Amino acid sequence: AARTNLLLMVPALLYAVNNYLKFAMQLHFKPATVKMLGNLKVLTIAILLKLVMKRTFTVTQWEALVLLILGITVNQLACSNSAAADSISWLG
């Protein structure tokens, strides 16, 4: 029983760390950025499936991953451009 409890502590600890990091992200980032970073887990899982488990993806799945990357990139560029515009407005 003690060994089982110790084994269950590992995923419980990882879950607690994950929840803390999500909370910290919500405090420091804009909501759109938090959502996009949350979507990165889909990309991470896809990469791990490809590398570790040798999974093959269909063309549609690859297209979906590319669109996800493009969406994250556009969101980050829009956020950085608005931050740059805010800093310029402070100068002028």
PDB file of N, CA and C in Angstrom:
ATOM      1  N   ALA A   1       0.820  -1.193   0.000  1.00  0.00           N
ATOM      2  CA  ALA A   1       0.000   0.000   0.000  1.00  0.00           C
ATOM      3  C   ALA A   1       0.865   1.258   0.000  1.00  0.00           C
ATOM      4  N   ALA A   2       1.943   1.227   0.751  1.00  0.00           N
ATOM      5  CA  ALA A   2       2.822   2.399   0.812  1.00  0.00           C
ATOM      6  C   ALA A   2       3.487   2.637  -0.531  1.00  0.00           C
ATOM      7  N   ARG A   3       3.872   1.561  -1.211  1.00  0.00           N
ATOM      8  CA  ARG A   3       4.501   1.700  -2.526  1.00  0.00           C
ATOM      9  C   ARG A   3       3.513   2.286  -3.530  1.00  0.00           C
ATOM     10  N   THR A   4       2.272   1.854  -3.475  1.00  0.00           N
ATOM     11  CA  THR A   4       1.248   2.373  -4.375  1.00  0.00           C
ATOM     12  C   THR A   4       1.032   3.864  -4.131  1.00  0.00           C
ATOM     13  N   ASN A   5       1.011   4.254  -2.865  1.00  0.00           N
ATOM     14  CA  ASN A   5       0.843   5.677  -2.541  1.00  0.00           C
ATOM     15  C   ASN A   5       2.015   6.496  -3.067  1.00  0.00           C
ATOM     16  N   LEU A   6       3.226   5.958  -2.964  1.00  0.00           N
ATOM     17  CA  LEU A   6       4.386   6.671  -3.483  1.00  0.00           C
ATOM     18  C   LEU A   6       4.314   6.811  -4.995  1.00  0.00           C
ATOM     19  N   LEU A   7       3.852   5.766  -5.680  1.00  0.00           N
ATOM     20  CA  LEU A   7       3.715   5.830  -7.132  1.00  0.00           C
ATOM     21  C   LEU A   7       2.643   6.839  -7.547  1.00  0.00           C
ATOM     22  N   LEU A   8       1.594   6.953  -6.756  1.00  0.00           N
ATOM     23  CA  LEU A   8       0.529   7.904  -7.077  1.00  0.00           C
ATOM     24  C   LEU A   8       0.944   9.344  -6.800  1.00  0.00           C
ATOM     25  N   MET A   9       1.976   9.521  -5.971  1.00  0.00           N
ATOM     26  CA  MET A   9       2.436  10.878  -5.679  1.00  0.00           C
ATOM     27  C   MET A   9       3.071  11.544  -6.892  1.00  0.00           C
ATOM     28  N   VAL A  10       3.661  10.765  -7.781  1.00  0.00           N
ATOM     29  CA  VAL A  10       4.344  11.343  -8.945  1.00  0.00           C
ATOM     30  C   VAL A  10       3.363  12.079  -9.849  1.00  0.00           C
ATOM     31  N   PRO A  11       2.290  11.431 -10.343  1.00  0.00           N
ATOM     32  CA  PRO A  11       1.360  12.193 -11.184  1.00  0.00           C
ATOM     33  C   PRO A  11       0.644  13.304 -10.409  1.00  0.00           C
ATOM     34  N   ALA A  12       0.396  13.088  -9.119  1.00  0.00           N
ATOM     35  CA  ALA A  12      -0.253  14.134  -8.323  1.00  0.00           C
ATOM     36  C   ALA A  12       0.638  15.356  -8.219  1.00  0.00           C
ATOM     37  N   LEU A  13       1.913  15.165  -8.025  1.00  0.00           N
ATOM     38  CA  LEU A  13       2.853  16.280  -7.949  1.00  0.00           C
ATOM     39  C   LEU A  13       2.958  16.996  -9.295  1.00  0.00           C
ATOM     40  N   LEU A  14       3.024  16.237 -10.378  1.00  0.00           N
ATOM     41  CA  LEU A  14       3.075  16.846 -11.705  1.00  0.00           C
ATOM     42  C   LEU A  14       1.805  17.645 -11.994  1.00  0.00           C
ATOM     43  N   TYR A  15       0.670  17.116 -11.576  1.00  0.00           N
ATOM     44  CA  TYR A  15      -0.598  17.812 -11.768  1.00  0.00           C
ATOM     45  C   TYR A  15      -0.613  19.119 -10.976  1.00  0.00           C
ATOM     46  N   ALA A  16      -0.109  19.093  -9.743  1.00  0.00           N
ATOM     47  CA  ALA A  16      -0.065  20.300  -8.909  1.00  0.00           C
ATOM     48  C   ALA A  16       0.857  21.350  -9.527  1.00  0.00           C
ATOM     49  N   VAL A  17       2.015  20.933 -10.018  1.00  0.00           N
ATOM     50  CA  VAL A  17       2.938  21.870 -10.665  1.00  0.00           C
ATOM     51  C   VAL A  17       2.298  22.464 -11.914  1.00  0.00           C
ATOM     52  N   ASN A  18       1.624  21.625 -12.693  1.00  0.00           N
ATOM     53  CA  ASN A  18       0.947  22.096 -13.902  1.00  0.00           C
ATOM     54  C   ASN A  18      -0.111  23.150 -13.563  1.00  0.00           C
ATOM     55  N   ASN A  19      -0.902  22.903 -12.537  1.00  0.00           N
ATOM     56  CA  ASN A  19      -1.930  23.870 -12.147  1.00  0.00           C
ATOM     57  C   ASN A  19      -1.316  25.174 -11.663  1.00  0.00           C
ATOM     58  N   TYR A  20      -0.218  25.091 -10.922  1.00  0.00           N
ATOM     59  CA  TYR A  20       0.442  26.305 -10.451  1.00  0.00           C
ATOM     60  C   TYR A  20       0.974  27.117 -11.631  1.00  0.00           C
ATOM     61  N   LEU A  21       1.584  26.434 -12.601  1.00  0.00           N
ATOM     62  CA  LEU A  21       2.124  27.138 -13.762  1.00  0.00           C
ATOM     63  C   LEU A  21       1.011  27.788 -14.582  1.00  0.00           C
ATOM     64  N   LYS A  22      -0.129  27.112 -14.711  1.00  0.00           N
ATOM     65  CA  LYS A  22      -1.266  27.706 -15.425  1.00  0.00           C
ATOM     66  C   LYS A  22      -1.746  28.969 -14.724  1.00  0.00           C
ATOM     67  N   PHE A  23      -1.819  28.920 -13.414  1.00  0.00           N
ATOM     68  CA  PHE A  23      -2.248  30.085 -12.643  1.00  0.00           C
ATOM     69  C   PHE A  23      -1.255  31.234 -12.808  1.00  0.00           C
ATOM     70  N   ALA A  24       0.028  30.927 -12.733  1.00  0.00           N
ATOM     71  CA  ALA A  24       1.059  31.958 -12.890  1.00  0.00           C
ATOM     72  C   ALA A  24       1.010  32.565 -14.288  1.00  0.00           C
ATOM     73  N   MET A  25       0.773  31.732 -15.302  1.00  0.00           N
ATOM     74  CA  MET A  25       0.666  32.251 -16.676  1.00  0.00           C
ATOM     75  C   MET A  25      -0.503  33.222 -16.801  1.00  0.00           C
ATOM     76  N   GLN A  26      -1.620  32.887 -16.178  1.00  0.00           N
ATOM     77  CA  GLN A  26      -2.792  33.756 -16.282  1.00  0.00           C
ATOM     78  C   GLN A  26      -2.566  35.097 -15.602  1.00  0.00           C
ATOM     79  N   LEU A  27      -1.694  35.134 -14.611  1.00  0.00           N
ATOM     80  CA  LEU A  27      -1.399  36.397 -13.941  1.00  0.00           C
ATOM     81  C   LEU A  27      -0.513  37.307 -14.792  1.00  0.00           C
ATOM     82  N   HIS A  28       0.371  36.719 -15.596  1.00  0.00           N
ATOM     83  CA  HIS A  28       1.400  37.503 -16.270  1.00  0.00           C
ATOM     84  C   HIS A  28       1.193  37.700 -17.771  1.00  0.00           C
ATOM     85  N   PHE A  29       0.295  36.932 -18.390  1.00  0.00           N
ATOM     86  CA  PHE A  29       0.102  37.032 -19.825  1.00  0.00           C
ATOM     87  C   PHE A  29      -1.320  37.448 -20.152  1.00  0.00           C
ATOM     88  N   LYS A  30      -1.509  37.932 -21.372  1.00  0.00           N
ATOM     89  CA  LYS A  30      -2.847  38.246 -21.861  1.00  0.00           C
ATOM     90  C   LYS A  30      -3.615  36.942 -22.093  1.00  0.00           C
ATOM     91  N   PRO A  31      -4.942  36.977 -21.997  1.00  0.00           N
ATOM     92  CA  PRO A  31      -5.734  35.752 -22.168  1.00  0.00           C
ATOM     93  C   PRO A  31      -5.502  35.047 -23.505  1.00  0.00           C
ATOM     94  N   ALA A  32      -5.348  35.790 -24.578  1.00  0.00           N
ATOM     95  CA  ALA A  32      -5.113  35.161 -25.886  1.00  0.00           C
ATOM     96  C   ALA A  32      -3.773  34.425 -25.901  1.00  0.00           C
ATOM     97  N   THR A  33      -2.785  34.991 -25.244  1.00  0.00           N
ATOM     98  CA  THR A  33      -1.469  34.355 -25.190  1.00  0.00           C
ATOM     99  C   THR A  33      -1.538  33.081 -24.356  1.00  0.00           C
ATOM    100  N   VAL A  34      -2.278  33.117 -23.251  1.00  0.00           N
ATOM    101  CA  VAL A  34      -2.428  31.930 -22.409  1.00  0.00           C
ATOM    102  C   VAL A  34      -3.089  30.809 -23.204  1.00  0.00           C
ATOM    103  N   LYS A  35      -4.103  31.155 -23.972  1.00  0.00           N
ATOM    104  CA  LYS A  35      -4.805  30.137 -24.776  1.00  0.00           C
ATOM    105  C   LYS A  35      -3.877  29.553 -25.833  1.00  0.00           C
ATOM    106  N   MET A  36      -3.107  30.391 -26.497  1.00  0.00           N
ATOM    107  CA  MET A  36      -2.190  29.899 -27.515  1.00  0.00           C
ATOM    108  C   MET A  36      -1.093  29.028 -26.908  1.00  0.00           C
ATOM    109  N   LEU A  37      -0.579  29.433 -25.763  1.00  0.00           N
ATOM    110  CA  LEU A  37       0.430  28.605 -25.110  1.00  0.00           C
ATOM    111  C   LEU A  37      -0.161  27.277 -24.651  1.00  0.00           C
ATOM    112  N   GLY A  38      -1.424  27.306 -24.258  1.00  0.00           N
ATOM    113  CA  GLY A  38      -2.108  26.062 -23.906  1.00  0.00           C
ATOM    114  C   GLY A  38      -2.241  25.146 -25.115  1.00  0.00           C
ATOM    115  N   ASN A  39      -2.412  25.739 -26.286  1.00  0.00           N
ATOM    116  CA  ASN A  39      -2.510  24.939 -27.503  1.00  0.00           C
ATOM    117  C   ASN A  39      -1.176  24.316 -27.902  1.00  0.00           C
ATOM    118  N   LEU A  40      -0.098  24.839 -27.364  1.00  0.00           N
ATOM    119  CA  LEU A  40       1.212  24.259 -27.673  1.00  0.00           C
ATOM    120  C   LEU A  40       1.334  22.818 -27.188  1.00  0.00           C
ATOM    121  N   LYS A  41       0.519  22.442 -26.197  1.00  0.00           N
ATOM    122  CA  LYS A  41       0.597  21.055 -25.726  1.00  0.00           C
ATOM    123  C   LYS A  41       0.173  20.082 -26.819  1.00  0.00           C
ATOM    124  N   VAL A  42      -0.728  20.498 -27.695  1.00  0.00           N
ATOM    125  CA  VAL A  42      -1.115  19.653 -28.824  1.00  0.00           C
ATOM    126  C   VAL A  42       0.089  19.410 -29.728  1.00  0.00           C
ATOM    127  N   LEU A  43       0.824  20.472 -30.008  1.00  0.00           N
ATOM    128  CA  LEU A  43       2.018  20.353 -30.839  1.00  0.00           C
ATOM    129  C   LEU A  43       3.084  19.486 -30.159  1.00  0.00           C
ATOM    130  N   THR A  44       3.262  19.673 -28.866  1.00  0.00           N
ATOM    131  CA  THR A  44       4.246  18.890 -28.117  1.00  0.00           C
ATOM    132  C   THR A  44       3.895  17.411 -28.136  1.00  0.00           C
ATOM    133  N   ILE A  45       2.639  17.090 -27.929  1.00  0.00           N
ATOM    134  CA  ILE A  45       2.208  15.692 -27.951  1.00  0.00           C
ATOM    135  C   ILE A  45       2.399  15.101 -29.341  1.00  0.00           C
ATOM    136  N   ALA A  46       2.100  15.880 -30.377  1.00  0.00           N
ATOM    137  CA  ALA A  46       2.280  15.392 -31.745  1.00  0.00           C
ATOM    138  C   ALA A  46       3.748  15.093 -32.024  1.00  0.00           C
ATOM    139  N   ILE A  47       4.632  15.964 -31.579  1.00  0.00           N
ATOM    140  CA  ILE A  47       6.070  15.735 -31.790  1.00  0.00           C
ATOM    141  C   ILE A  47       6.523  14.490 -31.034  1.00  0.00           C
ATOM    142  N   LEU A  48       6.063  14.341 -29.791  1.00  0.00           N
ATOM    143  CA  LEU A  48       6.437  13.153 -29.018  1.00  0.00           C
ATOM    144  C   LEU A  48       5.883  11.874 -29.644  1.00  0.00           C
ATOM    145  N   LEU A  49       4.657  11.931 -30.140  1.00  0.00           N
ATOM    146  CA  LEU A  49       4.093  10.758 -30.812  1.00  0.00           C
ATOM    147  C   LEU A  49       4.927  10.377 -32.028  1.00  0.00           C
ATOM    148  N   LYS A  50       5.373  11.381 -32.774  1.00  0.00           N
ATOM    149  CA  LYS A  50       6.169  11.124 -33.977  1.00  0.00           C
ATOM    150  C   LYS A  50       7.543  10.565 -33.626  1.00  0.00           C
ATOM    151  N   LEU A  51       8.218  11.180 -32.648  1.00  0.00           N
ATOM    152  CA  LEU A  51       9.589  10.787 -32.328  1.00  0.00           C
ATOM    153  C   LEU A  51       9.668   9.518 -31.487  1.00  0.00           C
ATOM    154  N   VAL A  52       8.840   9.426 -30.468  1.00  0.00           N
ATOM    155  CA  VAL A  52       8.955   8.317 -29.523  1.00  0.00           C
ATOM    156  C   VAL A  52       8.196   7.090 -29.997  1.00  0.00           C
ATOM    157  N   MET A  53       6.977   7.289 -30.459  1.00  0.00           N
ATOM    158  CA  MET A  53       6.134   6.149 -30.803  1.00  0.00           C
ATOM    159  C   MET A  53       6.086   5.862 -32.308  1.00  0.00           C
ATOM    160  N   LYS A  54       6.850   6.643 -33.094  1.00  0.00           N
ATOM    161  CA  LYS A  54       6.926   6.436 -34.551  1.00  0.00           C
ATOM    162  C   LYS A  54       5.550   6.466 -35.206  1.00  0.00           C
ATOM    163  N   ARG A  55       4.693   7.351 -34.741  1.00  0.00           N
ATOM    164  CA  ARG A  55       3.346   7.473 -35.282  1.00  0.00           C
ATOM    165  C   ARG A  55       3.380   8.231 -36.596  1.00  0.00           C
ATOM    166  N   THR A  56       2.589   7.792 -37.557  1.00  0.00           N
ATOM    167  CA  THR A  56       2.485   8.521 -38.820  1.00  0.00           C
ATOM    168  C   THR A  56       1.210   9.367 -38.784  1.00  0.00           C
ATOM    169  N   PHE A  57       1.289  10.546 -39.372  1.00  0.00           N
ATOM    170  CA  PHE A  57       0.160  11.464 -39.408  1.00  0.00           C
ATOM    171  C   PHE A  57      -0.332  11.611 -40.840  1.00  0.00           C
ATOM    172  N   THR A  58      -1.624  11.878 -40.966  1.00  0.00           N
ATOM    173  CA  THR A  58      -2.193  12.111 -42.285  1.00  0.00           C
ATOM    174  C   THR A  58      -1.852  13.535 -42.718  1.00  0.00           C
ATOM    175  N   VAL A  59      -2.082  13.813 -43.982  1.00  0.00           N
ATOM    176  CA  VAL A  59      -1.832  15.156 -44.517  1.00  0.00           C
ATOM    177  C   VAL A  59      -2.703  16.180 -43.782  1.00  0.00           C
ATOM    178  N   THR A  60      -3.939  15.824 -43.506  1.00  0.00           N
ATOM    179  CA  THR A  60      -4.841  16.734 -42.795  1.00  0.00           C
ATOM    180  C   THR A  60      -4.320  17.049 -41.400  1.00  0.00           C
ATOM    181  N   GLN A  61      -3.772  16.051 -40.717  1.00  0.00           N
ATOM    182  CA  GLN A  61      -3.226  16.282 -39.387  1.00  0.00           C
ATOM    183  C   GLN A  61      -2.000  17.188 -39.442  1.00  0.00           C
ATOM    184  N   TRP A  62      -1.143  16.993 -40.445  1.00  0.00           N
ATOM    185  CA  TRP A  62       0.015  17.880 -40.599  1.00  0.00           C
ATOM    186  C   TRP A  62      -0.434  19.307 -40.885  1.00  0.00           C
ATOM    187  N   GLU A  63      -1.457  19.451 -41.740  1.00  0.00           N
ATOM    188  CA  GLU A  63      -1.984  20.781 -42.049  1.00  0.00           C
ATOM    189  C   GLU A  63      -2.530  21.447 -40.791  1.00  0.00           C
ATOM    190  N   ALA A  64      -3.219  20.672 -39.945  1.00  0.00           N
ATOM    191  CA  ALA A  64      -3.757  21.223 -38.703  1.00  0.00           C
ATOM    192  C   ALA A  64      -2.624  21.695 -37.786  1.00  0.00           C
ATOM    193  N   LEU A  65      -1.538  20.937 -37.715  1.00  0.00           N
ATOM    194  CA  LEU A  65      -0.395  21.343 -36.891  1.00  0.00           C
ATOM    195  C   LEU A  65       0.262  22.608 -37.435  1.00  0.00           C
ATOM    196  N   VAL A  66       0.359  22.709 -38.751  1.00  0.00           N
ATOM    197  CA  VAL A  66       0.934  23.915 -39.361  1.00  0.00           C
ATOM    198  C   VAL A  66       0.046  25.119 -39.072  1.00  0.00           C
ATOM    199  N   LEU A  67      -1.273  24.949 -39.184  1.00  0.00           N
ATOM    200  CA  LEU A  67      -2.190  26.053 -38.873  1.00  0.00           C
ATOM    201  C   LEU A  67      -2.090  26.456 -37.405  1.00  0.00           C
ATOM    202  N   LEU A  68      -1.897  25.486 -36.526  1.00  0.00           N
ATOM    203  CA  LEU A  68      -1.728  25.794 -35.111  1.00  0.00           C
ATOM    204  C   LEU A  68      -0.470  26.627 -34.889  1.00  0.00           C
ATOM    205  N   ILE A  69       0.624  26.244 -35.534  1.00  0.00           N
ATOM    206  CA  ILE A  69       1.879  26.996 -35.417  1.00  0.00           C
ATOM    207  C   ILE A  69       1.702  28.405 -35.979  1.00  0.00           C
ATOM    208  N   LEU A  70       1.032  28.512 -37.122  1.00  0.00           N
ATOM    209  CA  LEU A  70       0.792  29.837 -37.707  1.00  0.00           C
ATOM    210  C   LEU A  70      -0.063  30.714 -36.793  1.00  0.00           C
ATOM    211  N   GLY A  71      -1.076  30.119 -36.184  1.00  0.00           N
ATOM    212  CA  GLY A  71      -1.927  30.875 -35.268  1.00  0.00           C
ATOM    213  C   GLY A  71      -1.154  31.383 -34.066  1.00  0.00           C
ATOM    214  N   ILE A  72      -0.303  30.548 -33.514  1.00  0.00           N
ATOM    215  CA  ILE A  72       0.518  30.957 -32.373  1.00  0.00           C
ATOM    216  C   ILE A  72       1.474  32.070 -32.792  1.00  0.00           C
ATOM    217  N   THR A  73       2.075  31.926 -33.974  1.00  0.00           N
ATOM    218  CA  THR A  73       3.018  32.934 -34.457  1.00  0.00           C
ATOM    219  C   THR A  73       2.331  34.273 -34.689  1.00  0.00           C
ATOM    220  N   VAL A  74       1.177  34.256 -35.350  1.00  0.00           N
ATOM    221  CA  VAL A  74       0.444  35.499 -35.616  1.00  0.00           C
ATOM    222  C   VAL A  74       0.042  36.170 -34.310  1.00  0.00           C
ATOM    223  N   ASN A  75      -0.404  35.373 -33.343  1.00  0.00           N
ATOM    224  CA  ASN A  75      -0.796  35.928 -32.051  1.00  0.00           C
ATOM    225  C   ASN A  75       0.393  36.598 -31.364  1.00  0.00           C
ATOM    226  N   GLN A  76       1.526  35.956 -31.384  1.00  0.00           N
ATOM    227  CA  GLN A  76       2.704  36.524 -30.729  1.00  0.00           C
ATOM    228  C   GLN A  76       3.194  37.776 -31.457  1.00  0.00           C
ATOM    229  N   LEU A  77       3.135  37.760 -32.781  1.00  0.00           N
ATOM    230  CA  LEU A  77       3.540  38.954 -33.527  1.00  0.00           C
ATOM    231  C   LEU A  77       2.598  40.111 -33.261  1.00  0.00           C
ATOM    232  N   ALA A  78       1.304  39.832 -33.183  1.00  0.00           N
ATOM    233  CA  ALA A  78       0.335  40.887 -32.899  1.00  0.00           C
ATOM    234  C   ALA A  78       0.553  41.451 -31.506  1.00  0.00           C
ATOM    235  N   CYS A  79       0.845  40.588 -30.547  1.00  0.00           N
ATOM    236  CA  CYS A  79       1.088  41.062 -29.179  1.00  0.00           C
ATOM    237  C   CYS A  79       2.367  41.879 -29.108  1.00  0.00           C
ATOM    238  N   SER A  80       3.409  41.433 -29.804  1.00  0.00           N
ATOM    239  CA  SER A  80       4.667  42.180 -29.746  1.00  0.00           C
ATOM    240  C   SER A  80       4.542  43.512 -30.492  1.00  0.00           C
ATOM    241  N   ASN A  81       3.766  43.546 -31.582  1.00  0.00           N
ATOM    242  CA  ASN A  81       3.555  44.808 -32.302  1.00  0.00           C
ATOM    243  C   ASN A  81       2.755  45.800 -31.464  1.00  0.00           C
ATOM    244  N   SER A  82       1.749  45.315 -30.740  1.00  0.00           N
ATOM    245  CA  SER A  82       0.964  46.218 -29.897  1.00  0.00           C
ATOM    246  C   SER A  82       1.806  46.708 -28.719  1.00  0.00           C
ATOM    247  N   ALA A  83       2.688  45.869 -28.203  1.00  0.00           N
ATOM    248  CA  ALA A  83       3.577  46.304 -27.117  1.00  0.00           C
ATOM    249  C   ALA A  83       4.554  47.340 -27.627  1.00  0.00           C
ATOM    250  N   ALA A  84       5.049  47.167 -28.863  1.00  0.00           N
ATOM    251  CA  ALA A  84       5.962  48.146 -29.441  1.00  0.00           C
ATOM    252  C   ALA A  84       5.241  49.472 -29.686  1.00  0.00           C
ATOM    253  N   ALA A  85       4.006  49.409 -30.132  1.00  0.00           N
ATOM    254  CA  ALA A  85       3.228  50.632 -30.365  1.00  0.00           C
ATOM    255  C   ALA A  85       2.962  51.345 -29.035  1.00  0.00           C
ATOM    256  N   ASP A  86       2.707  50.591 -27.982  1.00  0.00           N
ATOM    257  CA  ASP A  86       2.490  51.208 -26.667  1.00  0.00           C
ATOM    258  C   ASP A  86       3.754  51.912 -26.181  1.00  0.00           C
ATOM    259  N   SER A  87       4.909  51.281 -26.400  1.00  0.00           N
ATOM    260  CA  SER A  87       6.148  51.897 -25.940  1.00  0.00           C
ATOM    261  C   SER A  87       6.487  53.145 -26.765  1.00  0.00           C
ATOM    262  N   ILE A  88       6.127  53.152 -28.041  1.00  0.00           N
ATOM    263  CA  ILE A  88       6.369  54.333 -28.880  1.00  0.00           C
ATOM    264  C   ILE A  88       5.449  55.475 -28.458  1.00  0.00           C
ATOM    265  N   SER A  89       4.208  55.157 -28.097  1.00  0.00           N
ATOM    266  CA  SER A  89       3.279  56.212 -27.677  1.00  0.00           C
ATOM    267  C   SER A  89       3.751  56.875 -26.383  1.00  0.00           C
ATOM    268  N   TRP A  90       4.471  56.147 -25.553  1.00  0.00           N
ATOM    269  CA  TRP A  90       5.016  56.735 -24.324  1.00  0.00           C
ATOM    270  C   TRP A  90       6.148  57.704 -24.649  1.00  0.00           C
ATOM    271  N   LEU A  91       6.871  57.418 -25.735  1.00  0.00           N
ATOM    272  CA  LEU A  91       7.987  58.300 -26.104  1.00  0.00           C
ATOM    273  C   LEU A  91       7.516  59.608 -26.713  1.00  0.00           C
ATOM    274  N   GLY A  92       6.423  59.520 -27.465  1.00  0.00           N
ATOM    275  CA  GLY A  92       5.989  60.716 -28.194  1.00  0.00           C
ATOM    276  C   GLY A  92       4.988  61.460 -27.429  1.00  0.00           C
TER     277      GLY A  92
END
